[in-house]
Amino acid sequence: MATAIVGIVLPLLPTTPFVLLAAYCFSRGSARYEHWLLTHPRFGPLVRDWRANRAVPLRAKQLATGMMALSAIAAWWVLPPHMRWIPGACCAAVAVWLWRLPTRIAL
């Protein structure tokens, strides 16, 4: 869960997959932490939607894609020439996976 929280401010770390992984681990290890995560005002709806429908909110998809694009562009300028393609390829693969998931309909 700490990695997911760090991912909120660091663009190269995706928040959503780490929140879902934390929810899975909490469901196996700690009913108390699982309850905390499910009732959390920011992360709770994301986890509940994932468990019910394997759906991700449209806003989360848009934000994740935008942050991954900015991260890949920034990495292009910082990394050595032979490694510049790696962040872009990883972010593109995650974006394809993310956009193939069902989108939660806002009520």
PDB file of N, CA and C in Angstrom:
ATOM      1  N   MET A   1       0.829  -1.179   0.000  1.00  0.00           N
ATOM      2  CA  MET A   1       0.000   0.000   0.000  1.00  0.00           C
ATOM      3  C   MET A   1       0.875   1.244   0.000  1.00  0.00           C
ATOM      4  N   ALA A   2       2.014   1.161   0.667  1.00  0.00           N
ATOM      5  CA  ALA A   2       2.922   2.309   0.689  1.00  0.00           C
ATOM      6  C   ALA A   2       3.408   2.649  -0.720  1.00  0.00           C
ATOM      7  N   THR A   3       3.661   1.636  -1.530  1.00  0.00           N
ATOM      8  CA  THR A   3       4.096   1.867  -2.901  1.00  0.00           C
ATOM      9  C   THR A   3       3.001   2.556  -3.702  1.00  0.00           C
ATOM     10  N   ALA A   4       1.748   2.185  -3.466  1.00  0.00           N
ATOM     11  CA  ALA A   4       0.632   2.836  -4.151  1.00  0.00           C
ATOM     12  C   ALA A   4       0.548   4.308  -3.762  1.00  0.00           C
ATOM     13  N   ILE A   5       0.764   4.604  -2.501  1.00  0.00           N
ATOM     14  CA  ILE A   5       0.710   5.993  -2.037  1.00  0.00           C
ATOM     15  C   ILE A   5       1.854   6.801  -2.646  1.00  0.00           C
ATOM     16  N   VAL A   6       3.045   6.209  -2.707  1.00  0.00           N
ATOM     17  CA  VAL A   6       4.175   6.885  -3.349  1.00  0.00           C
ATOM     18  C   VAL A   6       3.875   7.090  -4.834  1.00  0.00           C
ATOM     19  N   GLY A   7       3.169   6.142  -5.450  1.00  0.00           N
ATOM     20  CA  GLY A   7       2.815   6.243  -6.860  1.00  0.00           C
ATOM     21  C   GLY A   7       1.893   7.398  -7.180  1.00  0.00           C
ATOM     22  N   ILE A   8       1.237   7.944  -6.191  1.00  0.00           N
ATOM     23  CA  ILE A   8       0.382   9.117  -6.417  1.00  0.00           C
ATOM     24  C   ILE A   8       1.223  10.306  -6.858  1.00  0.00           C
ATOM     25  N   VAL A   9       2.409  10.452  -6.279  1.00  0.00           N
ATOM     26  CA  VAL A   9       3.234  11.617  -6.587  1.00  0.00           C
ATOM     27  C   VAL A   9       4.389  11.317  -7.545  1.00  0.00           C
ATOM     28  N   LEU A  10       4.774  10.052  -7.691  1.00  0.00           N
ATOM     29  CA  LEU A  10       5.842   9.693  -8.622  1.00  0.00           C
ATOM     30  C   LEU A  10       5.234   9.070  -9.873  1.00  0.00           C
ATOM     31  N   PRO A  11       5.368   9.721 -10.998  1.00  0.00           N
ATOM     32  CA  PRO A  11       4.686   9.274 -12.203  1.00  0.00           C
ATOM     33  C   PRO A  11       5.069   7.871 -12.687  1.00  0.00           C
ATOM     34  N   LEU A  12       6.280   7.418 -12.463  1.00  0.00           N
ATOM     35  CA  LEU A  12       6.678   6.105 -12.980  1.00  0.00           C
ATOM     36  C   LEU A  12       6.092   4.943 -12.187  1.00  0.00           C
ATOM     37  N   LEU A  13       5.554   5.212 -11.006  1.00  0.00           N
ATOM     38  CA  LEU A  13       4.931   4.147 -10.216  1.00  0.00           C
ATOM     39  C   LEU A  13       3.412   4.236 -10.374  1.00  0.00           C
ATOM     40  N   PRO A  14       2.804   3.219 -10.938  1.00  0.00           N
ATOM     41  CA  PRO A  14       1.347   3.257 -11.089  1.00  0.00           C
ATOM     42  C   PRO A  14       0.648   2.979  -9.762  1.00  0.00           C
ATOM     43  N   THR A  15      -0.349   3.757  -9.446  1.00  0.00           N
ATOM     44  CA  THR A  15      -1.052   3.610  -8.175  1.00  0.00           C
ATOM     45  C   THR A  15      -2.054   2.464  -8.198  1.00  0.00           C
ATOM     46  N   THR A  16      -2.873   2.401  -9.223  1.00  0.00           N
ATOM     47  CA  THR A  16      -3.983   1.447  -9.265  1.00  0.00           C
ATOM     48  C   THR A  16      -3.554  -0.002  -9.090  1.00  0.00           C
ATOM     49  N   PRO A  17      -2.565  -0.515  -9.834  1.00  0.00           N
ATOM     50  CA  PRO A  17      -2.194  -1.920  -9.636  1.00  0.00           C
ATOM     51  C   PRO A  17      -1.703  -2.218  -8.222  1.00  0.00           C
ATOM     52  N   PHE A  18      -1.006  -1.275  -7.612  1.00  0.00           N
ATOM     53  CA  PHE A  18      -0.521  -1.505  -6.253  1.00  0.00           C
ATOM     54  C   PHE A  18      -1.655  -1.488  -5.233  1.00  0.00           C
ATOM     55  N   VAL A  19      -2.667  -0.664  -5.459  1.00  0.00           N
ATOM     56  CA  VAL A  19      -3.842  -0.663  -4.581  1.00  0.00           C
ATOM     57  C   VAL A  19      -4.563  -2.004  -4.694  1.00  0.00           C
ATOM     58  N   LEU A  20      -4.728  -2.488  -5.914  1.00  0.00           N
ATOM     59  CA  LEU A  20      -5.401  -3.778  -6.106  1.00  0.00           C
ATOM     60  C   LEU A  20      -4.592  -4.929  -5.516  1.00  0.00           C
ATOM     61  N   LEU A  21      -3.276  -4.875  -5.669  1.00  0.00           N
ATOM     62  CA  LEU A  21      -2.421  -5.900  -5.060  1.00  0.00           C
ATOM     63  C   LEU A  21      -2.516  -5.850  -3.541  1.00  0.00           C
ATOM     64  N   ALA A  22      -2.529  -4.655  -2.983  1.00  0.00           N
ATOM     65  CA  ALA A  22      -2.672  -4.517  -1.525  1.00  0.00           C
ATOM     66  C   ALA A  22      -4.012  -5.081  -1.064  1.00  0.00           C
ATOM     67  N   ALA A  23      -5.068  -4.822  -1.820  1.00  0.00           N
ATOM     68  CA  ALA A  23      -6.384  -5.353  -1.457  1.00  0.00           C
ATOM     69  C   ALA A  23      -6.368  -6.879  -1.459  1.00  0.00           C
ATOM     70  N   TYR A  24      -5.733  -7.464  -2.450  1.00  0.00           N
ATOM     71  CA  TYR A  24      -5.633  -8.926  -2.510  1.00  0.00           C
ATOM     72  C   TYR A  24      -4.853  -9.461  -1.304  1.00  0.00           C
ATOM     73  N   CYS A  25      -3.711  -8.852  -1.026  1.00  0.00           N
ATOM     74  CA  CYS A  25      -2.889  -9.310   0.105  1.00  0.00           C
ATOM     75  C   CYS A  25      -3.611  -9.105   1.435  1.00  0.00           C
ATOM     76  N   PHE A  26      -4.268  -7.960   1.609  1.00  0.00           N
ATOM     77  CA  PHE A  26      -5.008  -7.712   2.841  1.00  0.00           C
ATOM     78  C   PHE A  26      -6.142  -8.713   3.005  1.00  0.00           C
ATOM     79  N   SER A  27      -6.793  -9.093   1.917  1.00  0.00           N
ATOM     80  CA  SER A  27      -7.906 -10.051   2.024  1.00  0.00           C
ATOM     81  C   SER A  27      -7.415 -11.409   2.483  1.00  0.00           C
ATOM     82  N   ARG A  28      -6.157 -11.711   2.218  1.00  0.00           N
ATOM     83  CA  ARG A  28      -5.578 -12.988   2.632  1.00  0.00           C
ATOM     84  C   ARG A  28      -4.953 -12.935   4.026  1.00  0.00           C
ATOM     85  N   GLY A  29      -4.538 -11.728   4.452  1.00  0.00           N
ATOM     86  CA  GLY A  29      -3.755 -11.670   5.682  1.00  0.00           C
ATOM     87  C   GLY A  29      -4.348 -10.883   6.833  1.00  0.00           C
ATOM     88  N   SER A  30      -5.154  -9.883   6.568  1.00  0.00           N
ATOM     89  CA  SER A  30      -5.620  -9.030   7.656  1.00  0.00           C
ATOM     90  C   SER A  30      -7.009  -8.478   7.343  1.00  0.00           C
ATOM     91  N   ALA A  31      -7.986  -8.972   8.058  1.00  0.00           N
ATOM     92  CA  ALA A  31      -9.358  -8.489   7.873  1.00  0.00           C
ATOM     93  C   ALA A  31      -9.460  -7.004   8.259  1.00  0.00           C
ATOM     94  N   ARG A  32      -8.692  -6.601   9.243  1.00  0.00           N
ATOM     95  CA  ARG A  32      -8.721  -5.210   9.686  1.00  0.00           C
ATOM     96  C   ARG A  32      -8.228  -4.264   8.591  1.00  0.00           C
ATOM     97  N   TYR A  33      -7.077  -4.573   7.979  1.00  0.00           N
ATOM     98  CA  TYR A  33      -6.544  -3.720   6.914  1.00  0.00           C
ATOM     99  C   TYR A  33      -7.396  -3.800   5.653  1.00  0.00           C
ATOM    100  N   GLU A  34      -7.961  -4.958   5.380  1.00  0.00           N
ATOM    101  CA  GLU A  34      -8.850  -5.070   4.233  1.00  0.00           C
ATOM    102  C   GLU A  34     -10.070  -4.164   4.424  1.00  0.00           C
ATOM    103  N   HIS A  35     -10.638  -4.176   5.620  1.00  0.00           N
ATOM    104  CA  HIS A  35     -11.778  -3.305   5.918  1.00  0.00           C
ATOM    105  C   HIS A  35     -11.389  -1.840   5.781  1.00  0.00           C
ATOM    106  N   TRP A  36     -10.204  -1.486   6.272  1.00  0.00           N
ATOM    107  CA  TRP A  36      -9.729  -0.107   6.162  1.00  0.00           C
ATOM    108  C   TRP A  36      -9.635   0.300   4.698  1.00  0.00           C
ATOM    109  N   LEU A  37      -9.071  -0.578   3.867  1.00  0.00           N
ATOM    110  CA  LEU A  37      -8.915  -0.260   2.459  1.00  0.00           C
ATOM    111  C   LEU A  37     -10.263  -0.157   1.750  1.00  0.00           C
ATOM    112  N   LEU A  38     -11.171  -1.051   2.057  1.00  0.00           N
ATOM    113  CA  LEU A  38     -12.484  -1.034   1.405  1.00  0.00           C
ATOM    114  C   LEU A  38     -13.324   0.173   1.804  1.00  0.00           C
ATOM    115  N   THR A  39     -13.099   0.704   3.002  1.00  0.00           N
ATOM    116  CA  THR A  39     -13.866   1.864   3.466  1.00  0.00           C
ATOM    117  C   THR A  39     -13.118   3.184   3.250  1.00  0.00           C
ATOM    118  N   HIS A  40     -11.911   3.113   2.703  1.00  0.00           N
ATOM    119  CA  HIS A  40     -11.138   4.327   2.444  1.00  0.00           C
ATOM    120  C   HIS A  40     -11.877   5.172   1.400  1.00  0.00           C
ATOM    121  N   PRO A  41     -11.998   6.485   1.616  1.00  0.00           N
ATOM    122  CA  PRO A  41     -12.771   7.319   0.687  1.00  0.00           C
ATOM    123  C   PRO A  41     -12.186   7.378  -0.730  1.00  0.00           C
ATOM    124  N   ARG A  42     -10.886   7.286  -0.883  1.00  0.00           N
ATOM    125  CA  ARG A  42     -10.276   7.385  -2.210  1.00  0.00           C
ATOM    126  C   ARG A  42     -10.058   6.013  -2.853  1.00  0.00           C
ATOM    127  N   PHE A  43      -9.525   5.060  -2.088  1.00  0.00           N
ATOM    128  CA  PHE A  43      -9.166   3.759  -2.649  1.00  0.00           C
ATOM    129  C   PHE A  43     -10.299   2.737  -2.592  1.00  0.00           C
ATOM    130  N   GLY A  44     -11.219   2.894  -1.665  1.00  0.00           N
ATOM    131  CA  GLY A  44     -12.300   1.930  -1.483  1.00  0.00           C
ATOM    132  C   GLY A  44     -13.151   1.703  -2.725  1.00  0.00           C
ATOM    133  N   PRO A  45     -13.660   2.769  -3.362  1.00  0.00           N
ATOM    134  CA  PRO A  45     -14.476   2.562  -4.568  1.00  0.00           C
ATOM    135  C   PRO A  45     -13.721   1.847  -5.690  1.00  0.00           C
ATOM    136  N   LEU A  46     -12.447   2.153  -5.837  1.00  0.00           N
ATOM    137  CA  LEU A  46     -11.632   1.511  -6.864  1.00  0.00           C
ATOM    138  C   LEU A  46     -11.557   0.005  -6.628  1.00  0.00           C
ATOM    139  N   VAL A  47     -11.302  -0.386  -5.390  1.00  0.00           N
ATOM    140  CA  VAL A  47     -11.181  -1.807  -5.064  1.00  0.00           C
ATOM    141  C   VAL A  47     -12.537  -2.503  -5.187  1.00  0.00           C
ATOM    142  N   ARG A  48     -13.581  -1.862  -4.702  1.00  0.00           N
ATOM    143  CA  ARG A  48     -14.920  -2.481  -4.788  1.00  0.00           C
ATOM    144  C   ARG A  48     -15.348  -2.675  -6.238  1.00  0.00           C
ATOM    145  N   ASP A  49     -15.102  -1.680  -7.090  1.00  0.00           N
ATOM    146  CA  ASP A  49     -15.434  -1.813  -8.512  1.00  0.00           C
ATOM    147  C   ASP A  49     -14.623  -2.934  -9.159  1.00  0.00           C
ATOM    148  N   TRP A  50     -13.368  -3.019  -8.793  1.00  0.00           N
ATOM    149  CA  TRP A  50     -12.520  -4.067  -9.353  1.00  0.00           C
ATOM    150  C   TRP A  50     -13.031  -5.445  -8.947  1.00  0.00           C
ATOM    151  N   ARG A  51     -13.369  -5.597  -7.694  1.00  0.00           N
ATOM    152  CA  ARG A  51     -13.853  -6.899  -7.213  1.00  0.00           C
ATOM    153  C   ARG A  51     -15.203  -7.262  -7.821  1.00  0.00           C
ATOM    154  N   ALA A  52     -16.063  -6.303  -7.985  1.00  0.00           N
ATOM    155  CA  ALA A  52     -17.409  -6.591  -8.489  1.00  0.00           C
ATOM    156  C   ALA A  52     -17.429  -6.818 -10.000  1.00  0.00           C
ATOM    157  N   ASN A  53     -16.718  -5.988 -10.743  1.00  0.00           N
ATOM    158  CA  ASN A  53     -16.841  -6.008 -12.201  1.00  0.00           C
ATOM    159  C   ASN A  53     -15.523  -6.052 -12.956  1.00  0.00           C
ATOM    160  N   ARG A  54     -14.410  -6.058 -12.235  1.00  0.00           N
ATOM    161  CA  ARG A  54     -13.091  -5.910 -12.857  1.00  0.00           C
ATOM    162  C   ARG A  54     -13.077  -4.643 -13.727  1.00  0.00           C
ATOM    163  N   ALA A  55     -13.678  -3.590 -13.184  1.00  0.00           N
ATOM    164  CA  ALA A  55     -13.804  -2.324 -13.906  1.00  0.00           C
ATOM    165  C   ALA A  55     -12.949  -1.249 -13.247  1.00  0.00           C
ATOM    166  N   VAL A  56     -12.479  -0.311 -14.072  1.00  0.00           N
ATOM    167  CA  VAL A  56     -11.668   0.811 -13.612  1.00  0.00           C
ATOM    168  C   VAL A  56     -12.375   2.091 -14.050  1.00  0.00           C
ATOM    169  N   PRO A  57     -12.467   3.092 -13.173  1.00  0.00           N
ATOM    170  CA  PRO A  57     -13.133   4.345 -13.557  1.00  0.00           C
ATOM    171  C   PRO A  57     -12.428   5.025 -14.736  1.00  0.00           C
ATOM    172  N   LEU A  58     -13.200   5.674 -15.581  1.00  0.00           N
ATOM    173  CA  LEU A  58     -12.654   6.362 -16.749  1.00  0.00           C
ATOM    174  C   LEU A  58     -11.615   7.393 -16.340  1.00  0.00           C
ATOM    175  N   ARG A  59     -11.890   8.140 -15.303  1.00  0.00           N
ATOM    176  CA  ARG A  59     -10.943   9.171 -14.836  1.00  0.00           C
ATOM    177  C   ARG A  59      -9.602   8.544 -14.441  1.00  0.00           C
ATOM    178  N   ALA A  60      -9.622   7.386 -13.796  1.00  0.00           N
ATOM    179  CA  ALA A  60      -8.377   6.709 -13.409  1.00  0.00           C
ATOM    180  C   ALA A  60      -7.604   6.269 -14.649  1.00  0.00           C
ATOM    181  N   LYS A  61      -8.320   5.791 -15.662  1.00  0.00           N
ATOM    182  CA  LYS A  61      -7.658   5.389 -16.909  1.00  0.00           C
ATOM    183  C   LYS A  61      -7.012   6.594 -17.588  1.00  0.00           C
ATOM    184  N   GLN A  62      -7.741   7.692 -17.650  1.00  0.00           N
ATOM    185  CA  GLN A  62      -7.219   8.895 -18.298  1.00  0.00           C
ATOM    186  C   GLN A  62      -6.003   9.441 -17.553  1.00  0.00           C
ATOM    187  N   LEU A  63      -6.109   9.520 -16.248  1.00  0.00           N
ATOM    188  CA  LEU A  63      -5.015  10.047 -15.446  1.00  0.00           C
ATOM    189  C   LEU A  63      -3.783   9.147 -15.537  1.00  0.00           C
ATOM    190  N   ALA A  64      -3.982   7.846 -15.451  1.00  0.00           N
ATOM    191  CA  ALA A  64      -2.864   6.911 -15.533  1.00  0.00           C
ATOM    192  C   ALA A  64      -2.173   7.007 -16.894  1.00  0.00           C
ATOM    193  N   THR A  65      -2.952   7.077 -17.954  1.00  0.00           N
ATOM    194  CA  THR A  65      -2.371   7.166 -19.295  1.00  0.00           C
ATOM    195  C   THR A  65      -1.588   8.464 -19.471  1.00  0.00           C
ATOM    196  N   GLY A  66      -2.152   9.558 -19.007  1.00  0.00           N
ATOM    197  CA  GLY A  66      -1.454  10.837 -19.099  1.00  0.00           C
ATOM    198  C   GLY A  66      -0.159  10.865 -18.314  1.00  0.00           C
ATOM    199  N   MET A  67      -0.185  10.344 -17.113  1.00  0.00           N
ATOM    200  CA  MET A  67       1.020  10.330 -16.279  1.00  0.00           C
ATOM    201  C   MET A  67       2.082   9.400 -16.862  1.00  0.00           C
ATOM    202  N   MET A  68       1.641   8.267 -17.406  1.00  0.00           N
ATOM    203  CA  MET A  68       2.612   7.354 -18.030  1.00  0.00           C
ATOM    204  C   MET A  68       3.249   8.004 -19.253  1.00  0.00           C
ATOM    205  N   ALA A  69       2.455   8.726 -20.041  1.00  0.00           N
ATOM    206  CA  ALA A  69       3.003   9.411 -21.221  1.00  0.00           C
ATOM    207  C   ALA A  69       4.018  10.473 -20.799  1.00  0.00           C
ATOM    208  N   LEU A  70       3.678  11.265 -19.796  1.00  0.00           N
ATOM    209  CA  LEU A  70       4.624  12.282 -19.310  1.00  0.00           C
ATOM    210  C   LEU A  70       5.898  11.644 -18.764  1.00  0.00           C
ATOM    211  N   SER A  71       5.752  10.542 -18.063  1.00  0.00           N
ATOM    212  CA  SER A  71       6.916   9.845 -17.514  1.00  0.00           C
ATOM    213  C   SER A  71       7.807   9.307 -18.615  1.00  0.00           C
ATOM    214  N   ALA A  72       7.206   8.711 -19.634  1.00  0.00           N
ATOM    215  CA  ALA A  72       7.992   8.154 -20.737  1.00  0.00           C
ATOM    216  C   ALA A  72       8.732   9.259 -21.490  1.00  0.00           C
ATOM    217  N   ILE A  73       8.058  10.389 -21.672  1.00  0.00           N
ATOM    218  CA  ILE A  73       8.699  11.527 -22.351  1.00  0.00           C
ATOM    219  C   ILE A  73       9.858  12.060 -21.514  1.00  0.00           C
ATOM    220  N   ALA A  74       9.650  12.195 -20.210  1.00  0.00           N
ATOM    221  CA  ALA A  74      10.723  12.677 -19.326  1.00  0.00           C
ATOM    222  C   ALA A  74      11.891  11.696 -19.311  1.00  0.00           C
ATOM    223  N   ALA A  75      11.589  10.408 -19.291  1.00  0.00           N
ATOM    224  CA  ALA A  75      12.648   9.399 -19.281  1.00  0.00           C
ATOM    225  C   ALA A  75      13.452   9.439 -20.581  1.00  0.00           C
ATOM    226  N   TRP A  76      12.790   9.764 -21.682  1.00  0.00           N
ATOM    227  CA  TRP A  76      13.475   9.841 -22.970  1.00  0.00           C
ATOM    228  C   TRP A  76      14.628  10.851 -22.909  1.00  0.00           C
ATOM    229  N   TRP A  77      14.434  11.937 -22.193  1.00  0.00           N
ATOM    230  CA  TRP A  77      15.462  12.990 -22.114  1.00  0.00           C
ATOM    231  C   TRP A  77      16.554  12.669 -21.102  1.00  0.00           C
ATOM    232  N   VAL A  78      16.259  11.786 -20.139  1.00  0.00           N
ATOM    233  CA  VAL A  78      17.200  11.534 -19.054  1.00  0.00           C
ATOM    234  C   VAL A  78      18.046  10.283 -19.294  1.00  0.00           C
ATOM    235  N   LEU A  79      17.469   9.266 -19.885  1.00  0.00           N
ATOM    236  CA  LEU A  79      18.155   7.986 -20.042  1.00  0.00           C
ATOM    237  C   LEU A  79      19.155   8.001 -21.195  1.00  0.00           C
ATOM    238  N   PRO A  80      20.137   7.096 -21.122  1.00  0.00           N
ATOM    239  CA  PRO A  80      21.077   6.956 -22.243  1.00  0.00           C
ATOM    240  C   PRO A  80      20.336   6.496 -23.503  1.00  0.00           C
ATOM    241  N   PRO A  81      20.846   6.807 -24.673  1.00  0.00           N
ATOM    242  CA  PRO A  81      20.137   6.506 -25.927  1.00  0.00           C
ATOM    243  C   PRO A  81      19.718   5.047 -26.097  1.00  0.00           C
ATOM    244  N   HIS A  82      20.528   4.109 -25.659  1.00  0.00           N
ATOM    245  CA  HIS A  82      20.175   2.702 -25.857  1.00  0.00           C
ATOM    246  C   HIS A  82      19.095   2.200 -24.900  1.00  0.00           C
ATOM    247  N   MET A  83      18.703   3.014 -23.910  1.00  0.00           N
ATOM    248  CA  MET A  83      17.677   2.598 -22.941  1.00  0.00           C
ATOM    249  C   MET A  83      16.408   3.442 -23.014  1.00  0.00           C
ATOM    250  N   ARG A  84      16.362   4.410 -23.876  1.00  0.00           N
ATOM    251  CA  ARG A  84      15.245   5.351 -23.923  1.00  0.00           C
ATOM    252  C   ARG A  84      13.902   4.701 -24.245  1.00  0.00           C
ATOM    253  N   TRP A  85      13.900   3.649 -24.981  1.00  0.00           N
ATOM    254  CA  TRP A  85      12.663   3.009 -25.423  1.00  0.00           C
ATOM    255  C   TRP A  85      11.990   2.197 -24.317  1.00  0.00           C
ATOM    256  N   ILE A  86      12.722   1.786 -23.298  1.00  0.00           N
ATOM    257  CA  ILE A  86      12.199   0.861 -22.280  1.00  0.00           C
ATOM    258  C   ILE A  86      11.009   1.446 -21.517  1.00  0.00           C
ATOM    259  N   PRO A  87      11.098   2.648 -20.925  1.00  0.00           N
ATOM    260  CA  PRO A  87       9.920   3.177 -20.218  1.00  0.00           C
ATOM    261  C   PRO A  87       8.704   3.345 -21.116  1.00  0.00           C
ATOM    262  N   GLY A  88       8.921   3.811 -22.343  1.00  0.00           N
ATOM    263  CA  GLY A  88       7.802   3.983 -23.269  1.00  0.00           C
ATOM    264  C   GLY A  88       7.131   2.664 -23.600  1.00  0.00           C
ATOM    265  N   ALA A  89       7.932   1.625 -23.817  1.00  0.00           N
ATOM    266  CA  ALA A  89       7.374   0.305 -24.130  1.00  0.00           C
ATOM    267  C   ALA A  89       6.600  -0.259 -22.939  1.00  0.00           C
ATOM    268  N   CYS A  90       7.146  -0.119 -21.744  1.00  0.00           N
ATOM    269  CA  CYS A  90       6.448  -0.613 -20.542  1.00  0.00           C
ATOM    270  C   CYS A  90       5.145   0.153 -20.319  1.00  0.00           C
ATOM    271  N   CYS A  91       5.205   1.468 -20.442  1.00  0.00           N
ATOM    272  CA  CYS A  91       4.001   2.277 -20.245  1.00  0.00           C
ATOM    273  C   CYS A  91       2.952   1.978 -21.312  1.00  0.00           C
ATOM    274  N   ALA A  92       3.388   1.744 -22.538  1.00  0.00           N
ATOM    275  CA  ALA A  92       2.440   1.407 -23.600  1.00  0.00           C
ATOM    276  C   ALA A  92       1.759   0.069 -23.315  1.00  0.00           C
ATOM    277  N   ALA A  93       2.526  -0.902 -22.836  1.00  0.00           N
ATOM    278  CA  ALA A  93       1.946  -2.213 -22.512  1.00  0.00           C
ATOM    279  C   ALA A  93       0.919  -2.087 -21.382  1.00  0.00           C
ATOM    280  N   VAL A  94       1.249  -1.313 -20.353  1.00  0.00           N
ATOM    281  CA  VAL A  94       0.312  -1.115 -19.241  1.00  0.00           C
ATOM    282  C   VAL A  94      -0.927  -0.365 -19.720  1.00  0.00           C
ATOM    283  N   ALA A  95      -0.756   0.627 -20.582  1.00  0.00           N
ATOM    284  CA  ALA A  95      -1.899   1.392 -21.093  1.00  0.00           C
ATOM    285  C   ALA A  95      -2.830   0.508 -21.916  1.00  0.00           C
ATOM    286  N   VAL A  96      -2.264  -0.363 -22.743  1.00  0.00           N
ATOM    287  CA  VAL A  96      -3.102  -1.280 -23.526  1.00  0.00           C
ATOM    288  C   VAL A  96      -3.899  -2.181 -22.602  1.00  0.00           C
ATOM    289  N   TRP A  97      -3.226  -2.753 -21.585  1.00  0.00           N
ATOM    290  CA  TRP A  97      -3.916  -3.610 -20.613  1.00  0.00           C
ATOM    291  C   TRP A  97      -5.022  -2.830 -19.905  1.00  0.00           C
ATOM    292  N   LEU A  98      -4.700  -1.613 -19.456  1.00  0.00           N
ATOM    293  CA  LEU A  98      -5.655  -0.799 -18.708  1.00  0.00           C
ATOM    294  C   LEU A  98      -6.881  -0.454 -19.538  1.00  0.00           C
ATOM    295  N   TRP A  99      -6.696  -0.052 -20.786  1.00  0.00           N
ATOM    296  CA  TRP A  99      -7.824   0.361 -21.616  1.00  0.00           C
ATOM    297  C   TRP A  99      -8.646  -0.812 -22.133  1.00  0.00           C
ATOM    298  N   ARG A 100      -8.117  -2.020 -22.029  1.00  0.00           N
ATOM    299  CA  ARG A 100      -8.905  -3.202 -22.409  1.00  0.00           C
ATOM    300  C   ARG A 100      -9.832  -3.652 -21.274  1.00  0.00           C
ATOM    301  N   LEU A 101      -9.596  -3.152 -20.074  1.00  0.00           N
ATOM    302  CA  LEU A 101     -10.477  -3.468 -18.946  1.00  0.00           C
ATOM    303  C   LEU A 101     -11.790  -2.720 -19.097  1.00  0.00           C
ATOM    304  N   PRO A 102     -12.863  -3.255 -18.523  1.00  0.00           N
ATOM    305  CA  PRO A 102     -14.138  -2.525 -18.554  1.00  0.00           C
ATOM    306  C   PRO A 102     -14.016  -1.187 -17.821  1.00  0.00           C
ATOM    307  N   THR A 103     -14.763  -0.209 -18.294  1.00  0.00           N
ATOM    308  CA  THR A 103     -14.782   1.114 -17.670  1.00  0.00           C
ATOM    309  C   THR A 103     -15.992   1.212 -16.773  1.00  0.00           C
ATOM    310  N   ARG A 104     -15.757   1.666 -15.543  1.00  0.00           N
ATOM    311  CA  ARG A 104     -16.867   1.853 -14.600  1.00  0.00           C
ATOM    312  C   ARG A 104     -17.690   3.040 -15.054  1.00  0.00           C
ATOM    313  N   ILE A 105     -18.980   2.851 -15.092  1.00  0.00           N
ATOM    314  CA  ILE A 105     -19.901   3.913 -15.459  1.00  0.00           C
ATOM    315  C   ILE A 105     -20.163   4.780 -14.230  1.00  0.00           C
ATOM    316  N   ALA A 106     -19.949   6.085 -14.351  1.00  0.00           N
ATOM    317  CA  ALA A 106     -20.194   6.998 -13.241  1.00  0.00           C
ATOM    318  C   ALA A 106     -21.708   7.139 -13.042  1.00  0.00           C
ATOM    319  N   LEU A 107     -22.125   7.127 -11.792  1.00  0.00           N
ATOM    320  CA  LEU A 107     -23.544   7.267 -11.476  1.00  0.00           C
ATOM    321  C   LEU A 107     -23.907   8.683 -11.146  1.00  0.00           C
TER     322      LEU A 107
END
